PDB file of N, CA and C in Angstrom:
ATOM      1  N   MET A   1     -11.183 256.895 236.019  1.00  0.00           N
ATOM      2  CA  MET A   1      -9.792 256.988 235.613  1.00  0.00           C
ATOM      3  C   MET A   1      -9.641 258.121 234.606  1.00  0.00           C
ATOM      4  N   PRO A   2      -8.675 259.036 234.819  1.00  0.00           N
ATOM      5  CA  PRO A   2      -8.468 260.115 233.861  1.00  0.00           C
ATOM      6  C   PRO A   2      -8.083 259.562 232.498  1.00  0.00           C
ATOM      7  N   GLU A   3      -8.471 260.292 231.448  1.00  0.00           N
ATOM      8  CA  GLU A   3      -8.221 259.793 230.106  1.00  0.00           C
ATOM      9  C   GLU A   3      -6.748 259.769 229.739  1.00  0.00           C
ATOM     10  N   THR A   4      -5.877 260.440 230.498  1.00  0.00           N
ATOM     11  CA  THR A   4      -4.449 260.437 230.202  1.00  0.00           C
ATOM     12  C   THR A   4      -3.704 259.291 230.884  1.00  0.00           C
ATOM     13  N   GLN A   5      -4.334 258.627 231.854  1.00  0.00           N
ATOM     14  CA  GLN A   5      -3.685 257.570 232.619  1.00  0.00           C
ATOM     15  C   GLN A   5      -3.251 256.431 231.701  1.00  0.00           C
ATOM     16  N   GLY A   6      -1.973 256.045 231.799  1.00  0.00           N
ATOM     17  CA  GLY A   6      -1.457 254.928 231.026  1.00  0.00           C
ATOM     18  C   GLY A   6      -1.125 255.267 229.576  1.00  0.00           C
ATOM     19  N   LYS A   7      -1.250 256.531 229.194  1.00  0.00           N
ATOM     20  CA  LYS A   7      -0.946 256.936 227.826  1.00  0.00           C
ATOM     21  C   LYS A   7       0.444 257.541 227.757  1.00  0.00           C
ATOM     22  N   LYS A   8       1.014 257.530 226.558  1.00  0.00           N
ATOM     23  CA  LYS A   8       2.332 258.100 226.320  1.00  0.00           C
ATOM     24  C   LYS A   8       2.187 259.451 225.640  1.00  0.00           C
ATOM     25  N   CYS A   9       3.081 260.362 225.973  1.00  0.00           N
ATOM     26  CA  CYS A   9       3.106 261.690 225.365  1.00  0.00           C
ATOM     27  C   CYS A   9       3.587 261.576 223.918  1.00  0.00           C
ATOM     28  N   PRO A  10       2.879 262.195 222.965  1.00  0.00           N
ATOM     29  CA  PRO A  10       3.314 262.132 221.568  1.00  0.00           C
ATOM     30  C   PRO A  10       4.586 262.940 221.294  1.00  0.00           C
ATOM     31  N   THR A  11       4.946 263.861 222.198  1.00  0.00           N
ATOM     32  CA  THR A  11       6.137 264.680 222.003  1.00  0.00           C
ATOM     33  C   THR A  11       7.381 264.038 222.599  1.00  0.00           C
ATOM     34  N   CYS A  12       7.308 263.638 223.874  1.00  0.00           N
ATOM     35  CA  CYS A  12       8.490 263.121 224.567  1.00  0.00           C
ATOM     36  C   CYS A  12       8.443 261.616 224.809  1.00  0.00           C
ATOM     37  N   HIS A  13       7.295 260.998 224.560  1.00  0.00           N
ATOM     38  CA  HIS A  13       7.097 259.545 224.711  1.00  0.00           C
ATOM     39  C   HIS A  13       7.183 259.053 226.149  1.00  0.00           C
ATOM     40  N   GLU A  14       7.077 259.963 227.116  1.00  0.00           N
ATOM     41  CA  GLU A  14       7.024 259.596 228.529  1.00  0.00           C
ATOM     42  C   GLU A  14       5.581 259.305 228.913  1.00  0.00           C
ATOM     43  N   ASP A  15       5.382 258.591 230.039  1.00  0.00           N
ATOM     44  CA  ASP A  15       4.029 258.357 230.541  1.00  0.00           C
ATOM     45  C   ASP A  15       3.422 259.685 230.969  1.00  0.00           C
ATOM     46  N   ILE A  16       2.126 259.863 230.705  1.00  0.00           N
ATOM     47  CA  ILE A  16       1.415 261.075 231.097  1.00  0.00           C
ATOM     48  C   ILE A  16       0.614 260.755 232.351  1.00  0.00           C
ATOM     49  N   GLY A  17       0.858 261.494 233.428  1.00  0.00           N
ATOM     50  CA  GLY A  17       0.115 261.298 234.668  1.00  0.00           C
ATOM     51  C   GLY A  17      -1.247 261.964 234.591  1.00  0.00           C
ATOM     52  N   GLU A  18      -1.981 261.912 235.681  1.00  0.00           N
ATOM     53  CA  GLU A  18      -3.340 262.472 235.665  1.00  0.00           C
ATOM     54  C   GLU A  18      -3.358 263.988 235.559  1.00  0.00           C
ATOM     55  N   VAL A  19      -2.270 264.672 235.933  1.00  0.00           N
ATOM     56  CA  VAL A  19      -2.212 266.124 235.767  1.00  0.00           C
ATOM     57  C   VAL A  19      -1.538 266.519 234.458  1.00  0.00           C
ATOM     58  N   GLY A  20      -1.023 265.544 233.714  1.00  0.00           N
ATOM     59  CA  GLY A  20      -0.345 265.826 232.467  1.00  0.00           C
ATOM     60  C   GLY A  20       0.961 266.559 232.716  1.00  0.00           C
ATOM     61  N   HIS A  21       1.498 267.166 231.668  1.00  0.00           N
ATOM     62  CA  HIS A  21       2.676 268.018 231.788  1.00  0.00           C
ATOM     63  C   HIS A  21       2.621 269.024 230.649  1.00  0.00           C
ATOM     64  N   LEU A  22       3.653 269.837 230.449  1.00  0.00           N
ATOM     65  CA  LEU A  22       3.547 270.907 229.471  1.00  0.00           C
ATOM     66  C   LEU A  22       3.410 270.416 228.036  1.00  0.00           C
ATOM     67  N   CYS A  23       3.907 269.220 227.731  1.00  0.00           N
ATOM     68  CA  CYS A  23       3.695 268.675 226.373  1.00  0.00           C
ATOM     69  C   CYS A  23       2.212 268.398 226.140  1.00  0.00           C
ATOM     70  N   VAL A  24       1.559 267.821 227.150  1.00  0.00           N
ATOM     71  CA  VAL A  24       0.146 267.439 227.049  1.00  0.00           C
ATOM     72  C   VAL A  24      -0.557 267.846 228.336  1.00  0.00           C
ATOM     73  N   PRO A  25      -0.912 269.141 228.470  1.00  0.00           N
ATOM     74  CA  PRO A  25      -1.562 269.595 229.697  1.00  0.00           C
ATOM     75  C   PRO A  25      -2.987 269.078 229.819  1.00  0.00           C
ATOM     76  N   VAL A  26      -3.419 268.863 231.051  1.00  0.00           N
ATOM     77  CA  VAL A  26      -4.788 268.437 231.322  1.00  0.00           C
ATOM     78  C   VAL A  26      -5.604 269.686 231.634  1.00  0.00           C
ATOM     79  N   ASN A  27      -6.681 269.889 230.909  1.00  0.00           N
ATOM     80  CA  ASN A  27      -7.534 271.057 231.123  1.00  0.00           C
ATOM     81  C   ASN A  27      -8.435 270.859 232.330  1.00  0.00           C
ATOM     82  N   LYS A  28      -8.505 271.875 233.171  1.00  0.00           N
ATOM     83  CA  LYS A  28      -9.404 271.870 234.317  1.00  0.00           C
ATOM     84  C   LYS A  28     -10.372 273.015 234.128  1.00  0.00           C
ATOM     85  N   LYS A  29     -11.638 272.769 234.339  1.00  0.00           N
ATOM     86  CA  LYS A  29     -12.660 273.781 234.120  1.00  0.00           C
ATOM     87  C   LYS A  29     -12.476 274.965 235.068  1.00  0.00           C
ATOM     88  N   ASP A  30     -12.534 276.158 234.500  1.00  0.00           N
ATOM     89  CA  ASP A  30     -12.478 277.409 235.260  1.00  0.00           C
ATOM     90  C   ASP A  30     -11.222 277.556 236.116  1.00  0.00           C
ATOM     91  N   GLU A  31     -10.087 277.065 235.643  1.00  0.00           N
ATOM     92  CA  GLU A  31      -8.843 277.206 236.390  1.00  0.00           C
ATOM     93  C   GLU A  31      -8.286 278.614 236.195  1.00  0.00           C
ATOM     94  N   LYS A  32      -7.831 279.227 237.297  1.00  0.00           N
ATOM     95  CA  LYS A  32      -7.274 280.580 237.238  1.00  0.00           C
ATOM     96  C   LYS A  32      -5.782 280.536 237.541  1.00  0.00           C
ATOM     97  N   CYS A  33      -5.056 281.461 236.931  1.00  0.00           N
ATOM     98  CA  CYS A  33      -3.617 281.575 237.139  1.00  0.00           C
ATOM     99  C   CYS A  33      -3.338 282.058 238.558  1.00  0.00           C
ATOM    100  N   ASP A  34      -2.435 281.373 239.261  1.00  0.00           N
ATOM    101  CA  ASP A  34      -2.066 281.768 240.625  1.00  0.00           C
ATOM    102  C   ASP A  34      -1.308 283.089 240.657  1.00  0.00           C
ATOM    103  N   TRP A  35      -0.693 283.462 239.548  1.00  0.00           N
ATOM    104  CA  TRP A  35       0.141 284.664 239.508  1.00  0.00           C
ATOM    105  C   TRP A  35      -0.654 285.903 239.111  1.00  0.00           C
ATOM    106  N   CYS A  36      -1.473 285.809 238.046  1.00  0.00           N
ATOM    107  CA  CYS A  36      -2.146 287.018 237.552  1.00  0.00           C
ATOM    108  C   CYS A  36      -3.663 286.978 237.743  1.00  0.00           C
ATOM    109  N   GLY A  37      -4.222 285.836 238.111  1.00  0.00           N
ATOM    110  CA  GLY A  37      -5.654 285.721 238.353  1.00  0.00           C
ATOM    111  C   GLY A  37      -6.512 285.550 237.116  1.00  0.00           C
ATOM    112  N   ALA A  38      -5.902 285.525 235.933  1.00  0.00           N
ATOM    113  CA  ALA A  38      -6.660 285.372 234.691  1.00  0.00           C
ATOM    114  C   ALA A  38      -7.165 283.945 234.527  1.00  0.00           C
ATOM    115  N   LEU A  39      -8.291 283.805 233.864  1.00  0.00           N
ATOM    116  CA  LEU A  39      -8.815 282.485 233.536  1.00  0.00           C
ATOM    117  C   LEU A  39      -7.896 281.857 232.500  1.00  0.00           C
ATOM    118  N   ILE A  40      -7.455 280.640 232.751  1.00  0.00           N
ATOM    119  CA  ILE A  40      -6.490 279.980 231.870  1.00  0.00           C
ATOM    120  C   ILE A  40      -7.237 279.275 230.743  1.00  0.00           C
ATOM    121  N   THR A  41      -7.105 279.780 229.545  1.00  0.00           N
ATOM    122  CA  THR A  41      -7.713 279.128 228.381  1.00  0.00           C
ATOM    123  C   THR A  41      -6.682 278.277 227.649  1.00  0.00           C
ATOM    124  N   ASN A  42      -5.409 278.621 227.789  1.00  0.00           N
ATOM    125  CA  ASN A  42      -4.321 277.844 227.198  1.00  0.00           C
ATOM    126  C   ASN A  42      -3.417 277.413 228.345  1.00  0.00           C
ATOM    127  N   HIS A  43      -3.289 276.113 228.586  1.00  0.00           N
ATOM    128  CA  HIS A  43      -2.541 275.633 229.744  1.00  0.00           C
ATOM    129  C   HIS A  43      -1.037 275.798 229.622  1.00  0.00           C
ATOM    130  N   ARG A  44      -0.605 276.463 228.561  1.00  0.00           N
ATOM    131  CA  ARG A  44       0.804 276.849 228.456  1.00  0.00           C
ATOM    132  C   ARG A  44       0.941 278.344 228.749  1.00  0.00           C
ATOM    133  N   HIS A  45      -0.045 278.883 229.472  1.00  0.00           N
ATOM    134  CA  HIS A  45      -0.130 280.291 229.850  1.00  0.00           C
ATOM    135  C   HIS A  45       1.118 280.728 230.609  1.00  0.00           C
ATOM    136  N   LEU A  46       1.775 281.793 230.144  1.00  0.00           N
ATOM    137  CA  LEU A  46       2.941 282.354 230.830  1.00  0.00           C
ATOM    138  C   LEU A  46       2.770 283.859 230.985  1.00  0.00           C
ATOM    139  N   CYS A  47       2.248 284.293 232.125  1.00  0.00           N
ATOM    140  CA  CYS A  47       2.132 285.721 232.407  1.00  0.00           C
ATOM    141  C   CYS A  47       3.468 286.209 232.972  1.00  0.00           C
ATOM    142  N   CYS A  48       3.623 287.512 233.138  1.00  0.00           N
ATOM    143  CA  CYS A  48       4.888 288.090 233.634  1.00  0.00           C
ATOM    144  C   CYS A  48       5.289 287.508 234.993  1.00  0.00           C
ATOM    145  N   GLY A  49       4.320 287.371 235.887  1.00  0.00           N
ATOM    146  CA  GLY A  49       4.614 286.825 237.215  1.00  0.00           C
ATOM    147  C   GLY A  49       5.129 285.408 237.162  1.00  0.00           C
ATOM    148  N   LYS A  50       4.541 284.600 236.299  1.00  0.00           N
ATOM    149  CA  LYS A  50       4.965 283.211 236.176  1.00  0.00           C
ATOM    150  C   LYS A  50       6.346 283.129 235.529  1.00  0.00           C
ATOM    151  N   VAL A  51       6.613 283.964 234.534  1.00  0.00           N
ATOM    152  CA  VAL A  51       7.924 283.964 233.869  1.00  0.00           C
ATOM    153  C   VAL A  51       9.032 284.230 234.883  1.00  0.00           C
ATOM    154  N   LYS A  52       8.780 285.131 235.833  1.00  0.00           N
ATOM    155  CA  LYS A  52       9.781 285.450 236.851  1.00  0.00           C
ATOM    156  C   LYS A  52      10.067 284.267 237.769  1.00  0.00           C
ATOM    157  N   GLU A  53       9.120 283.315 237.868  1.00  0.00           N
ATOM    158  CA  GLU A  53       9.265 282.166 238.754  1.00  0.00           C
ATOM    159  C   GLU A  53       9.748 280.896 238.045  1.00  0.00           C
ATOM    160  N   LEU A  54       9.946 280.942 236.728  1.00  0.00           N
ATOM    161  CA  LEU A  54      10.386 279.753 235.998  1.00  0.00           C
ATOM    162  C   LEU A  54      11.697 279.249 236.589  1.00  0.00           C
ATOM    163  N   ALA A  55      11.745 277.957 236.902  1.00  0.00           N
ATOM    164  CA  ALA A  55      12.917 277.399 237.563  1.00  0.00           C
ATOM    165  C   ALA A  55      13.452 276.145 236.883  1.00  0.00           C
ATOM    166  N   TYR A  56      12.687 275.574 235.941  1.00  0.00           N
ATOM    167  CA  TYR A  56      13.083 274.318 235.314  1.00  0.00           C
ATOM    168  C   TYR A  56      12.949 274.388 233.802  1.00  0.00           C
ATOM    169  N   ILE A  57      13.803 273.628 233.122  1.00  0.00           N
ATOM    170  CA  ILE A  57      13.724 273.466 231.674  1.00  0.00           C
ATOM    171  C   ILE A  57      13.725 271.968 231.380  1.00  0.00           C
ATOM    172  N   CYS A  58      13.025 271.571 230.339  1.00  0.00           N
ATOM    173  CA  CYS A  58      12.937 270.165 229.968  1.00  0.00           C
ATOM    174  C   CYS A  58      14.077 269.818 229.009  1.00  0.00           C
ATOM    175  N   ASN A  59      14.828 268.783 229.337  1.00  0.00           N
ATOM    176  CA  ASN A  59      15.920 268.331 228.475  1.00  0.00           C
ATOM    177  C   ASN A  59      15.412 267.572 227.256  1.00  0.00           C
ATOM    178  N   SER A  60      14.117 267.314 227.191  1.00  0.00           N
ATOM    179  CA  SER A  60      13.546 266.604 226.044  1.00  0.00           C
ATOM    180  C   SER A  60      12.967 267.570 225.014  1.00  0.00           C
ATOM    181  N   CYS A  61      12.092 268.482 225.470  1.00  0.00           N
ATOM    182  CA  CYS A  61      11.378 269.342 224.524  1.00  0.00           C
ATOM    183  C   CYS A  61      11.747 270.818 224.633  1.00  0.00           C
ATOM    184  N   GLY A  62      12.481 271.220 225.680  1.00  0.00           N
ATOM    185  CA  GLY A  62      12.912 272.599 225.830  1.00  0.00           C
ATOM    186  C   GLY A  62      11.913 273.525 226.485  1.00  0.00           C
ATOM    187  N   ARG A  63      10.753 273.009 226.890  1.00  0.00           N
ATOM    188  CA  ARG A  63       9.776 273.866 227.559  1.00  0.00           C
ATOM    189  C   ARG A  63      10.258 274.202 228.963  1.00  0.00           C
ATOM    190  N   THR A  64       9.732 275.282 229.503  1.00  0.00           N
ATOM    191  CA  THR A  64      10.095 275.713 230.855  1.00  0.00           C
ATOM    192  C   THR A  64       8.887 275.589 231.772  1.00  0.00           C
ATOM    193  N   ALA A  65       9.146 275.524 233.082  1.00  0.00           N
ATOM    194  CA  ALA A  65       8.060 275.386 234.052  1.00  0.00           C
ATOM    195  C   ALA A  65       8.492 275.909 235.408  1.00  0.00           C
ATOM    196  N   VAL A  66       7.507 276.185 236.234  1.00  0.00           N
ATOM    197  CA  VAL A  66       7.730 276.618 237.607  1.00  0.00           C
ATOM    198  C   VAL A  66       8.065 275.408 238.477  1.00  0.00           C
ATOM    199  N   SER A  67       7.441 274.259 238.197  1.00  0.00           N
ATOM    200  CA  SER A  67       7.634 273.042 238.983  1.00  0.00           C
ATOM    201  C   SER A  67       8.179 271.918 238.105  1.00  0.00           C
ATOM    202  N   ALA A  68       9.081 271.131 238.653  1.00  0.00           N
ATOM    203  CA  ALA A  68       9.703 270.030 237.913  1.00  0.00           C
ATOM    204  C   ALA A  68       8.697 268.984 237.461  1.00  0.00           C
ATOM    205  N   GLU A  69       7.640 268.758 238.252  1.00  0.00           N
ATOM    206  CA  GLU A  69       6.680 267.698 237.929  1.00  0.00           C
ATOM    207  C   GLU A  69       5.890 267.955 236.652  1.00  0.00           C
ATOM    208  N   HIS A  70       5.957 269.155 236.111  1.00  0.00           N
ATOM    209  CA  HIS A  70       5.244 269.465 234.878  1.00  0.00           C
ATOM    210  C   HIS A  70       6.060 269.161 233.627  1.00  0.00           C
ATOM    211  N   LEU A  71       7.298 268.716 233.799  1.00  0.00           N
ATOM    212  CA  LEU A  71       8.178 268.433 232.668  1.00  0.00           C
ATOM    213  C   LEU A  71       8.580 266.963 232.664  1.00  0.00           C
ATOM    214  N   CYS A  72       8.873 266.444 231.485  1.00  0.00           N
ATOM    215  CA  CYS A  72       9.220 265.024 231.379  1.00  0.00           C
ATOM    216  C   CYS A  72      10.671 264.744 231.781  1.00  0.00           C
ATOM    217  N   LYS A  73      11.588 265.647 231.456  1.00  0.00           N
ATOM    218  CA  LYS A  73      12.994 265.489 231.834  1.00  0.00           C
ATOM    219  C   LYS A  73      13.510 266.826 232.379  1.00  0.00           C
ATOM    220  N   PRO A  74      13.050 267.201 233.600  1.00  0.00           N
ATOM    221  CA  PRO A  74      13.370 268.520 234.132  1.00  0.00           C
ATOM    222  C   PRO A  74      14.829 268.665 234.573  1.00  0.00           C
ATOM    223  N   GLU A  75      15.330 269.873 234.391  1.00  0.00           N
ATOM    224  CA  GLU A  75      16.649 270.239 234.916  1.00  0.00           C
ATOM    225  C   GLU A  75      16.510 271.641 235.485  1.00  0.00           C
ATOM    226  N   LYS A  76      17.076 271.848 236.666  1.00  0.00           N
ATOM    227  CA  LYS A  76      17.002 273.146 237.340  1.00  0.00           C
ATOM    228  C   LYS A  76      17.742 274.179 236.505  1.00  0.00           C
ATOM    229  N   ILE A  77      17.125 275.349 236.281  1.00  0.00           N
ATOM    230  CA  ILE A  77      17.766 276.445 235.578  1.00  0.00           C
ATOM    231  C   ILE A  77      18.706 277.123 236.563  1.00  0.00           C
ATOM    232  N   LYS A  78      19.941 277.328 236.152  1.00  0.00           N
ATOM    233  CA  LYS A  78      20.946 277.923 237.047  1.00  0.00           C
ATOM    234  C   LYS A  78      20.933 279.422 236.949  1.00  0.00           C
TER     235      LYS A  78
END
Protein backbone atom coordinates (compact mmCIF):
# COMPACT_ATOMS: atom_id res chain seq x y z
CA MET A 1 0.00 0.00 0.00
CA PRO A 2 1.43 3.42 -0.93
CA GLU A 3 2.29 5.59 2.04
CA THR A 4 -0.15 8.30 0.90
CA GLN A 5 -3.20 5.98 0.80
CA GLY A 6 -5.87 7.04 3.29
CA LYS A 7 -4.02 10.21 4.31
CA LYS A 8 -5.27 13.78 4.11
CA CYS A 9 -3.42 16.62 2.39
CA PRO A 10 -2.07 19.16 4.90
CA THR A 11 -2.81 22.01 2.45
CA CYS A 12 -6.31 21.28 1.12
CA HIS A 13 -7.42 18.52 3.55
CA GLU A 14 -8.59 16.29 0.68
CA ASP A 15 -7.76 12.57 0.50
CA ILE A 16 -4.42 11.91 -1.21
CA GLY A 17 -4.50 9.11 -3.79
CA GLU A 18 -1.58 6.87 -4.68
CA VAL A 19 -0.31 9.36 -7.30
CA GLY A 20 -0.78 12.33 -4.97
CA HIS A 21 -1.51 15.77 -6.39
CA LEU A 22 0.30 19.10 -6.67
CA CYS A 23 -0.10 19.88 -2.95
CA VAL A 24 1.58 16.57 -2.04
CA PRO A 25 3.24 15.01 -5.10
CA VAL A 26 4.41 11.40 -5.01
CA ASN A 27 8.05 11.03 -6.06
CA LYS A 28 8.86 8.38 -8.64
CA LYS A 29 12.45 7.33 -9.15
CA ASP A 30 14.07 8.58 -12.36
CA GLU A 31 10.88 10.19 -13.71
CA LYS A 32 11.42 12.39 -16.78
CA CYS A 33 9.33 15.31 -17.98
CA ASP A 34 7.14 14.40 -20.98
CA TRP A 35 7.57 17.92 -22.39
CA CYS A 36 11.29 18.73 -22.04
CA GLY A 37 12.86 15.35 -21.19
CA ALA A 38 14.61 16.64 -18.06
CA LEU A 39 14.90 14.47 -14.97
CA ILE A 40 12.26 15.70 -12.52
CA THR A 41 13.81 16.50 -9.16
CA ASN A 42 10.94 18.75 -8.04
CA HIS A 43 7.48 17.34 -8.84
CA ARG A 44 6.14 20.85 -9.24
CA HIS A 45 8.39 21.15 -12.32
CA LEU A 46 7.00 23.60 -14.92
CA CYS A 47 9.06 23.83 -18.11
CA CYS A 48 8.00 26.09 -21.03
CA GLY A 49 6.28 23.21 -22.85
CA LYS A 50 4.25 22.25 -19.81
CA VAL A 51 3.26 25.87 -19.09
CA LYS A 52 1.77 26.10 -22.60
CA GLU A 53 -0.40 23.03 -21.82
CA LEU A 54 -1.73 24.16 -18.41
CA ALA A 55 -5.50 23.73 -18.52
CA TYR A 56 -6.69 23.61 -14.89
CA ILE A 57 -6.47 25.70 -11.73
CA CYS A 58 -7.25 24.54 -8.21
CA ASN A 59 -10.05 26.43 -6.44
CA SER A 60 -8.50 25.43 -3.10
CA CYS A 61 -4.79 26.26 -3.34
CA GLY A 62 -4.45 28.12 -6.67
CA ARG A 63 -1.95 25.71 -8.23
CA THR A 64 -2.19 24.93 -11.93
CA ALA A 65 -1.93 21.61 -13.75
CA VAL A 66 -2.13 19.95 -17.14
CA SER A 67 -4.61 17.32 -15.86
CA ALA A 68 -7.55 17.79 -13.49
CA GLU A 69 -6.69 14.66 -11.48
CA HIS A 70 -3.58 16.37 -10.08
CA LEU A 71 -5.63 19.03 -8.28
CA CYS A 72 -7.98 18.76 -5.31
CA LYS A 73 -10.65 21.18 -6.61
CA PRO A 74 -9.91 21.60 -10.34
CA GLU A 75 -11.59 24.13 -12.60
CA LYS A 76 -10.95 24.40 -16.34
CA ILE A 77 -9.00 27.55 -17.27
CA LYS A 78 -10.97 29.50 -19.87
